[in-house]
Amino acid sequence: MHPTLTFKKLTAVEQMLPYWQLITQLTATLTQENYEQYLTEMVPHNYYQVVAYHGETCAGISGYWMATKLYSGKYLEIDNFVVEGNYRNAGIGKQMVDWLENEARANDCKIMMLDAYVENFKAHRFYYREGFIARGYHYLKFL
């Protein structure tokens, strides 16, 4: 049986700041100062977060963007998807993806997308189960 969750959409930097520690479960090197700085730059460009609560406890968080690309049309991109360690393998991730899919559909998005680290095999299996396909490579060039 999966825990019953409530979801809260965050639209302002001040709402997002308290969740820095949960985000560091995925991005351990992210400092609190950089988190605030980056959010200040990101939020004006259609960046949001959704928080999943089990009662009063934060069980998961995901950032997401909505924008348009020539190859896809309007899209929702999942960014920094984290389920709190004690809640993993309890159906939280699926409920979060379902919420994000509903958000995408409500905003007329044609596609959902995300990046997953190459070595994160558990995430790969999860996203495949949720109907995502591997369509390409994400290349980086450090400057």
N, C-alpha and C. Protein backbone atom coordinates (compact mmCIF):
# COMPACT_ATOMS: atom_id res chain seq x y z
N MET A 1 0.85 -1.18 0.00
CA MET A 1 0.00 0.00 0.00
C MET A 1 0.89 1.24 0.00
N HIS A 2 0.62 2.16 -0.91
CA HIS A 2 1.41 3.37 -1.02
C HIS A 2 0.88 4.43 -0.06
N PRO A 3 1.81 5.20 0.52
CA PRO A 3 1.37 6.29 1.41
C PRO A 3 0.53 7.31 0.66
N THR A 4 -0.44 7.89 1.33
CA THR A 4 -1.24 8.96 0.76
C THR A 4 -0.44 10.25 0.86
N LEU A 5 -0.31 10.94 -0.26
CA LEU A 5 0.50 12.16 -0.32
C LEU A 5 -0.37 13.37 -0.61
N THR A 6 0.12 14.51 -0.17
CA THR A 6 -0.41 15.79 -0.63
C THR A 6 0.73 16.50 -1.33
N PHE A 7 0.38 17.31 -2.31
CA PHE A 7 1.40 17.99 -3.11
C PHE A 7 1.23 19.49 -3.00
N LYS A 8 2.36 20.17 -3.00
CA LYS A 8 2.36 21.63 -2.97
C LYS A 8 3.29 22.13 -4.07
N LYS A 9 2.74 22.96 -4.96
CA LYS A 9 3.54 23.59 -6.03
C LYS A 9 4.19 24.84 -5.47
N LEU A 10 5.51 24.93 -5.64
CA LEU A 10 6.27 26.09 -5.18
C LEU A 10 6.62 26.96 -6.38
N THR A 11 6.36 28.26 -6.25
CA THR A 11 6.58 29.17 -7.37
C THR A 11 7.55 30.30 -7.04
N ALA A 12 7.96 30.42 -5.78
CA ALA A 12 8.81 31.53 -5.35
C ALA A 12 10.06 31.00 -4.65
N VAL A 13 11.15 31.70 -4.83
CA VAL A 13 12.42 31.32 -4.23
C VAL A 13 12.27 31.08 -2.72
N GLU A 14 11.57 31.98 -2.04
CA GLU A 14 11.42 31.88 -0.59
C GLU A 14 10.74 30.58 -0.18
N GLN A 15 9.81 30.09 -1.01
CA GLN A 15 9.15 28.82 -0.72
C GLN A 15 10.09 27.64 -0.91
N MET A 16 11.05 27.77 -1.82
CA MET A 16 11.94 26.67 -2.18
C MET A 16 13.14 26.53 -1.25
N LEU A 17 13.55 27.62 -0.63
CA LEU A 17 14.78 27.62 0.17
C LEU A 17 14.81 26.55 1.25
N PRO A 18 13.72 26.27 1.97
CA PRO A 18 13.79 25.27 3.04
C PRO A 18 14.11 23.85 2.58
N TYR A 19 14.06 23.58 1.28
CA TYR A 19 14.25 22.22 0.78
C TYR A 19 15.65 21.95 0.26
N TRP A 20 16.57 22.86 0.54
CA TRP A 20 17.95 22.71 0.08
C TRP A 20 18.54 21.37 0.51
N GLN A 21 18.35 20.98 1.77
CA GLN A 21 18.98 19.75 2.26
C GLN A 21 18.48 18.52 1.52
N LEU A 22 17.21 18.48 1.19
CA LEU A 22 16.69 17.34 0.43
C LEU A 22 17.30 17.32 -0.97
N ILE A 23 17.43 18.46 -1.60
CA ILE A 23 18.05 18.55 -2.94
C ILE A 23 19.48 18.02 -2.89
N THR A 24 20.18 18.23 -1.78
CA THR A 24 21.58 17.78 -1.70
C THR A 24 21.70 16.26 -1.65
N GLN A 25 20.59 15.53 -1.45
CA GLN A 25 20.66 14.06 -1.54
C GLN A 25 20.97 13.64 -2.97
N LEU A 26 20.67 14.49 -3.94
CA LEU A 26 21.00 14.23 -5.34
C LEU A 26 22.26 15.00 -5.76
N THR A 27 22.37 16.23 -5.30
CA THR A 27 23.48 17.11 -5.69
C THR A 27 24.23 17.52 -4.43
N ALA A 28 25.09 16.63 -3.96
CA ALA A 28 25.75 16.80 -2.65
C ALA A 28 26.64 18.03 -2.58
N THR A 29 27.17 18.49 -3.69
CA THR A 29 28.10 19.62 -3.68
C THR A 29 27.40 20.98 -3.71
N LEU A 30 26.09 21.00 -3.80
CA LEU A 30 25.34 22.26 -3.89
C LEU A 30 25.31 22.95 -2.54
N THR A 31 25.93 24.12 -2.45
CA THR A 31 25.92 24.86 -1.20
C THR A 31 24.58 25.59 -1.05
N GLN A 32 24.26 25.94 0.17
CA GLN A 32 23.02 26.67 0.43
C GLN A 32 23.05 28.03 -0.28
N GLU A 33 24.21 28.67 -0.31
CA GLU A 33 24.35 29.96 -0.98
C GLU A 33 24.12 29.83 -2.48
N ASN A 34 24.72 28.79 -3.09
CA ASN A 34 24.52 28.58 -4.52
C ASN A 34 23.09 28.21 -4.83
N TYR A 35 22.46 27.42 -3.97
CA TYR A 35 21.05 27.06 -4.16
C TYR A 35 20.20 28.31 -4.26
N GLU A 36 20.38 29.23 -3.34
CA GLU A 36 19.60 30.47 -3.37
C GLU A 36 19.92 31.30 -4.61
N GLN A 37 21.19 31.41 -4.94
CA GLN A 37 21.59 32.18 -6.12
C GLN A 37 21.00 31.59 -7.39
N TYR A 38 21.12 30.28 -7.54
CA TYR A 38 20.60 29.63 -8.75
C TYR A 38 19.09 29.77 -8.86
N LEU A 39 18.40 29.56 -7.73
CA LEU A 39 16.94 29.70 -7.76
C LEU A 39 16.53 31.11 -8.18
N THR A 40 17.26 32.10 -7.69
CA THR A 40 16.97 33.49 -8.04
C THR A 40 17.08 33.70 -9.55
N GLU A 41 18.01 32.99 -10.18
CA GLU A 41 18.18 33.08 -11.63
C GLU A 41 17.15 32.22 -12.38
N MET A 42 16.74 31.09 -11.81
CA MET A 42 15.90 30.13 -12.49
C MET A 42 14.41 30.46 -12.44
N VAL A 43 13.92 30.87 -11.29
CA VAL A 43 12.48 31.07 -11.10
C VAL A 43 11.87 32.03 -12.13
N PRO A 44 12.54 33.13 -12.50
CA PRO A 44 11.94 34.01 -13.51
C PRO A 44 11.80 33.36 -14.90
N HIS A 45 12.42 32.18 -15.08
CA HIS A 45 12.40 31.50 -16.38
C HIS A 45 11.58 30.21 -16.33
N ASN A 46 10.43 30.27 -15.64
CA ASN A 46 9.48 29.15 -15.60
C ASN A 46 10.01 27.91 -14.89
N TYR A 47 10.78 28.11 -13.81
CA TYR A 47 11.21 27.01 -12.97
C TYR A 47 10.29 26.95 -11.76
N TYR A 48 9.84 25.73 -11.44
CA TYR A 48 8.96 25.49 -10.30
C TYR A 48 9.48 24.28 -9.53
N GLN A 49 8.93 24.06 -8.36
CA GLN A 49 9.17 22.82 -7.63
C GLN A 49 7.83 22.30 -7.13
N VAL A 50 7.75 20.99 -6.98
CA VAL A 50 6.60 20.36 -6.33
C VAL A 50 7.15 19.54 -5.17
N VAL A 51 6.49 19.67 -4.03
CA VAL A 51 6.88 18.94 -2.83
C VAL A 51 5.78 17.95 -2.51
N ALA A 52 6.18 16.71 -2.21
CA ALA A 52 5.24 15.66 -1.81
C ALA A 52 5.34 15.48 -0.31
N TYR A 53 4.21 15.62 0.36
CA TYR A 53 4.15 15.46 1.81
C TYR A 53 3.41 14.19 2.18
N HIS A 54 3.96 13.47 3.14
CA HIS A 54 3.26 12.37 3.79
C HIS A 54 2.95 12.88 5.18
N GLY A 55 1.71 13.30 5.38
CA GLY A 55 1.36 14.00 6.62
C GLY A 55 2.09 15.33 6.63
N GLU A 56 2.86 15.58 7.67
CA GLU A 56 3.64 16.81 7.80
C GLU A 56 5.08 16.64 7.31
N THR A 57 5.44 15.43 6.88
CA THR A 57 6.82 15.11 6.51
C THR A 57 7.01 15.24 5.00
N CYS A 58 8.08 15.91 4.62
CA CYS A 58 8.42 16.03 3.20
C CYS A 58 9.02 14.70 2.74
N ALA A 59 8.34 14.03 1.81
CA ALA A 59 8.77 12.73 1.32
C ALA A 59 9.53 12.83 0.00
N GLY A 60 9.36 13.93 -0.73
CA GLY A 60 10.04 14.07 -2.01
C GLY A 60 9.86 15.47 -2.57
N ILE A 61 10.72 15.77 -3.53
CA ILE A 61 10.69 17.06 -4.20
C ILE A 61 11.15 16.88 -5.63
N SER A 62 10.62 17.68 -6.51
CA SER A 62 11.12 17.72 -7.88
C SER A 62 11.01 19.14 -8.39
N GLY A 63 12.08 19.58 -9.01
CA GLY A 63 12.02 20.81 -9.76
C GLY A 63 11.48 20.49 -11.14
N TYR A 64 10.98 21.50 -11.82
CA TYR A 64 10.59 21.30 -13.21
C TYR A 64 10.51 22.64 -13.92
N TRP A 65 10.73 22.57 -15.22
CA TRP A 65 10.68 23.72 -16.11
C TRP A 65 9.57 23.50 -17.12
N MET A 66 8.98 24.57 -17.58
CA MET A 66 8.09 24.50 -18.73
C MET A 66 8.58 25.53 -19.74
N ALA A 67 8.73 25.07 -20.98
CA ALA A 67 9.20 25.94 -22.05
C ALA A 67 8.83 25.29 -23.38
N THR A 68 9.39 25.81 -24.46
CA THR A 68 9.12 25.29 -25.80
C THR A 68 10.43 25.11 -26.53
N LYS A 69 10.55 24.00 -27.23
CA LYS A 69 11.69 23.74 -28.11
C LYS A 69 11.14 23.43 -29.50
N LEU A 70 11.94 23.68 -30.51
CA LEU A 70 11.50 23.45 -31.88
C LEU A 70 11.18 21.98 -32.14
N TYR A 71 11.97 21.07 -31.59
CA TYR A 71 11.76 19.65 -31.90
C TYR A 71 10.62 19.03 -31.11
N SER A 72 10.17 19.68 -30.03
CA SER A 72 9.18 19.03 -29.18
C SER A 72 7.91 19.83 -28.97
N GLY A 73 7.95 21.10 -29.25
CA GLY A 73 6.84 21.96 -28.84
C GLY A 73 6.94 22.23 -27.35
N LYS A 74 5.84 22.56 -26.74
CA LYS A 74 5.85 22.87 -25.31
C LYS A 74 6.14 21.60 -24.52
N TYR A 75 7.00 21.72 -23.51
CA TYR A 75 7.43 20.55 -22.74
C TYR A 75 7.52 20.89 -21.26
N LEU A 76 7.50 19.84 -20.45
CA LEU A 76 7.82 19.93 -19.03
C LEU A 76 9.07 19.10 -18.83
N GLU A 77 10.11 19.72 -18.27
CA GLU A 77 11.36 19.02 -18.00
C GLU A 77 11.52 18.84 -16.50
N ILE A 78 11.63 17.59 -16.08
CA ILE A 78 11.87 17.26 -14.68
C ILE A 78 13.33 17.55 -14.37
N ASP A 79 13.57 18.17 -13.22
CA ASP A 79 14.93 18.59 -12.84
C ASP A 79 15.10 18.40 -11.34
N ASN A 80 16.10 17.65 -10.93
CA ASN A 80 16.38 17.41 -9.51
C ASN A 80 15.21 16.72 -8.81
N PHE A 81 14.92 15.52 -9.26
CA PHE A 81 13.85 14.67 -8.73
C PHE A 81 14.44 13.85 -7.58
N VAL A 82 13.94 14.07 -6.36
CA VAL A 82 14.51 13.42 -5.18
C VAL A 82 13.40 12.88 -4.30
N VAL A 83 13.49 11.59 -3.95
CA VAL A 83 12.64 11.01 -2.92
C VAL A 83 13.52 10.85 -1.69
N GLU A 84 13.03 11.34 -0.55
CA GLU A 84 13.77 11.26 0.70
C GLU A 84 14.12 9.80 0.99
N GLY A 85 15.33 9.56 1.47
CA GLY A 85 15.86 8.20 1.65
C GLY A 85 14.93 7.23 2.36
N ASN A 86 14.28 7.66 3.42
CA ASN A 86 13.39 6.78 4.18
C ASN A 86 12.12 6.42 3.42
N TYR A 87 11.81 7.12 2.34
CA TYR A 87 10.58 6.89 1.58
C TYR A 87 10.81 6.18 0.25
N ARG A 88 12.04 5.83 -0.05
CA ARG A 88 12.31 5.18 -1.33
C ARG A 88 11.68 3.79 -1.37
N ASN A 89 11.28 3.38 -2.55
CA ASN A 89 10.64 2.08 -2.79
C ASN A 89 9.27 1.97 -2.11
N ALA A 90 8.60 3.11 -1.92
CA ALA A 90 7.27 3.11 -1.30
C ALA A 90 6.21 3.70 -2.24
N GLY A 91 6.56 3.89 -3.51
CA GLY A 91 5.59 4.42 -4.47
C GLY A 91 5.53 5.94 -4.53
N ILE A 92 6.40 6.62 -3.80
CA ILE A 92 6.42 8.08 -3.77
C ILE A 92 6.80 8.62 -5.15
N GLY A 93 7.86 8.06 -5.74
CA GLY A 93 8.33 8.53 -7.04
C GLY A 93 7.25 8.43 -8.11
N LYS A 94 6.53 7.32 -8.13
CA LYS A 94 5.45 7.16 -9.11
C LYS A 94 4.38 8.22 -8.91
N GLN A 95 3.99 8.48 -7.68
CA GLN A 95 2.97 9.48 -7.42
C GLN A 95 3.47 10.87 -7.83
N MET A 96 4.76 11.13 -7.64
CA MET A 96 5.32 12.42 -8.06
C MET A 96 5.31 12.54 -9.59
N VAL A 97 5.70 11.48 -10.30
CA VAL A 97 5.67 11.52 -11.76
C VAL A 97 4.24 11.71 -12.24
N ASP A 98 3.29 11.05 -11.60
CA ASP A 98 1.89 11.21 -11.99
C ASP A 98 1.45 12.67 -11.81
N TRP A 99 1.85 13.30 -10.68
CA TRP A 99 1.51 14.71 -10.45
C TRP A 99 2.11 15.58 -11.55
N LEU A 100 3.39 15.33 -11.87
CA LEU A 100 4.07 16.12 -12.91
C LEU A 100 3.42 15.92 -14.27
N GLU A 101 3.00 14.70 -14.57
CA GLU A 101 2.32 14.45 -15.84
C GLU A 101 0.99 15.22 -15.90
N ASN A 102 0.26 15.22 -14.82
CA ASN A 102 -0.99 15.99 -14.78
C ASN A 102 -0.72 17.48 -14.95
N GLU A 103 0.34 17.98 -14.35
CA GLU A 103 0.74 19.38 -14.49
C GLU A 103 1.08 19.68 -15.95
N ALA A 104 1.82 18.77 -16.59
CA ALA A 104 2.19 18.95 -17.99
C ALA A 104 0.94 18.99 -18.88
N ARG A 105 0.04 18.07 -18.66
CA ARG A 105 -1.18 18.03 -19.47
C ARG A 105 -2.03 19.29 -19.24
N ALA A 106 -2.13 19.74 -17.99
CA ALA A 106 -2.93 20.93 -17.67
C ALA A 106 -2.36 22.18 -18.32
N ASN A 107 -1.06 22.15 -18.64
CA ASN A 107 -0.40 23.30 -19.27
C ASN A 107 -0.13 23.07 -20.75
N ASP A 108 -0.84 22.13 -21.35
CA ASP A 108 -0.77 21.84 -22.79
C ASP A 108 0.63 21.45 -23.27
N CYS A 109 1.41 20.80 -22.41
CA CYS A 109 2.72 20.30 -22.83
C CYS A 109 2.52 19.07 -23.71
N LYS A 110 3.38 18.93 -24.69
CA LYS A 110 3.30 17.82 -25.63
C LYS A 110 4.22 16.67 -25.23
N ILE A 111 5.17 16.95 -24.33
CA ILE A 111 6.18 15.96 -23.99
C ILE A 111 6.72 16.27 -22.60
N MET A 112 7.19 15.23 -21.92
CA MET A 112 7.95 15.39 -20.68
C MET A 112 9.35 14.86 -20.96
N MET A 113 10.33 15.47 -20.34
CA MET A 113 11.71 15.03 -20.54
C MET A 113 12.49 15.19 -19.25
N LEU A 114 13.66 14.57 -19.20
CA LEU A 114 14.54 14.69 -18.04
C LEU A 114 15.91 14.17 -18.41
N ASP A 115 16.87 14.49 -17.57
CA ASP A 115 18.21 13.92 -17.66
C ASP A 115 18.40 13.03 -16.45
N ALA A 116 19.10 11.92 -16.63
CA ALA A 116 19.48 11.05 -15.51
C ALA A 116 20.97 10.73 -15.69
N TYR A 117 21.69 10.75 -14.58
CA TYR A 117 23.12 10.45 -14.67
C TYR A 117 23.33 9.06 -15.27
N VAL A 118 24.35 8.93 -16.10
CA VAL A 118 24.64 7.67 -16.80
C VAL A 118 24.77 6.51 -15.82
N GLU A 119 25.38 6.75 -14.67
CA GLU A 119 25.64 5.68 -13.71
C GLU A 119 24.45 5.39 -12.77
N ASN A 120 23.36 6.13 -12.90
CA ASN A 120 22.22 5.98 -11.99
C ASN A 120 21.23 4.95 -12.55
N PHE A 121 21.60 3.67 -12.47
CA PHE A 121 20.82 2.60 -13.07
C PHE A 121 19.44 2.45 -12.42
N LYS A 122 19.34 2.71 -11.11
CA LYS A 122 18.03 2.62 -10.45
C LYS A 122 17.07 3.65 -11.05
N ALA A 123 17.58 4.86 -11.31
CA ALA A 123 16.74 5.89 -11.93
C ALA A 123 16.33 5.48 -13.34
N HIS A 124 17.26 4.89 -14.09
CA HIS A 124 16.94 4.45 -15.45
C HIS A 124 15.77 3.46 -15.42
N ARG A 125 15.86 2.46 -14.56
CA ARG A 125 14.79 1.45 -14.47
C ARG A 125 13.48 2.12 -14.08
N PHE A 126 13.53 3.04 -13.12
CA PHE A 126 12.32 3.73 -12.68
C PHE A 126 11.68 4.50 -13.83
N TYR A 127 12.46 5.30 -14.54
CA TYR A 127 11.90 6.12 -15.61
C TYR A 127 11.38 5.27 -16.77
N TYR A 128 12.06 4.17 -17.09
CA TYR A 128 11.53 3.26 -18.10
C TYR A 128 10.16 2.72 -17.67
N ARG A 129 10.05 2.31 -16.41
CA ARG A 129 8.76 1.80 -15.89
C ARG A 129 7.67 2.86 -15.99
N GLU A 130 8.05 4.12 -15.89
CA GLU A 130 7.08 5.22 -15.94
C GLU A 130 6.78 5.69 -17.35
N GLY A 131 7.31 4.98 -18.36
CA GLY A 131 6.97 5.27 -19.75
C GLY A 131 7.92 6.20 -20.48
N PHE A 132 9.03 6.57 -19.85
CA PHE A 132 10.03 7.40 -20.53
C PHE A 132 10.89 6.51 -21.41
N ILE A 133 11.42 7.07 -22.48
CA ILE A 133 12.35 6.36 -23.35
C ILE A 133 13.65 7.15 -23.41
N ALA A 134 14.75 6.44 -23.64
CA ALA A 134 16.05 7.09 -23.85
C ALA A 134 16.09 7.50 -25.32
N ARG A 135 16.13 8.80 -25.57
CA ARG A 135 16.03 9.30 -26.94
C ARG A 135 17.35 9.89 -27.46
N GLY A 136 18.28 10.19 -26.57
CA GLY A 136 19.51 10.81 -27.04
C GLY A 136 20.54 10.90 -25.93
N TYR A 137 21.55 11.65 -26.17
CA TYR A 137 22.61 11.87 -25.21
C TYR A 137 22.61 13.34 -24.80
N HIS A 138 22.98 13.58 -23.58
CA HIS A 138 23.11 14.96 -23.09
C HIS A 138 24.61 15.20 -22.95
N TYR A 139 25.16 16.08 -23.75
CA TYR A 139 26.59 16.35 -23.75
C TYR A 139 26.91 17.57 -22.91
N LEU A 140 28.06 17.53 -22.25
CA LEU A 140 28.55 18.65 -21.44
C LEU A 140 29.95 19.02 -21.89
N LYS A 141 30.24 20.29 -21.79
CA LYS A 141 31.60 20.79 -22.00
C LYS A 141 31.86 21.77 -20.86
N PHE A 142 32.75 21.38 -19.96
CA PHE A 142 33.04 22.24 -18.81
C PHE A 142 33.91 23.42 -19.25
N LEU A 143 33.54 24.59 -18.78
CA LEU A 143 34.26 25.82 -19.16
C LEU A 143 35.02 26.39 -17.97
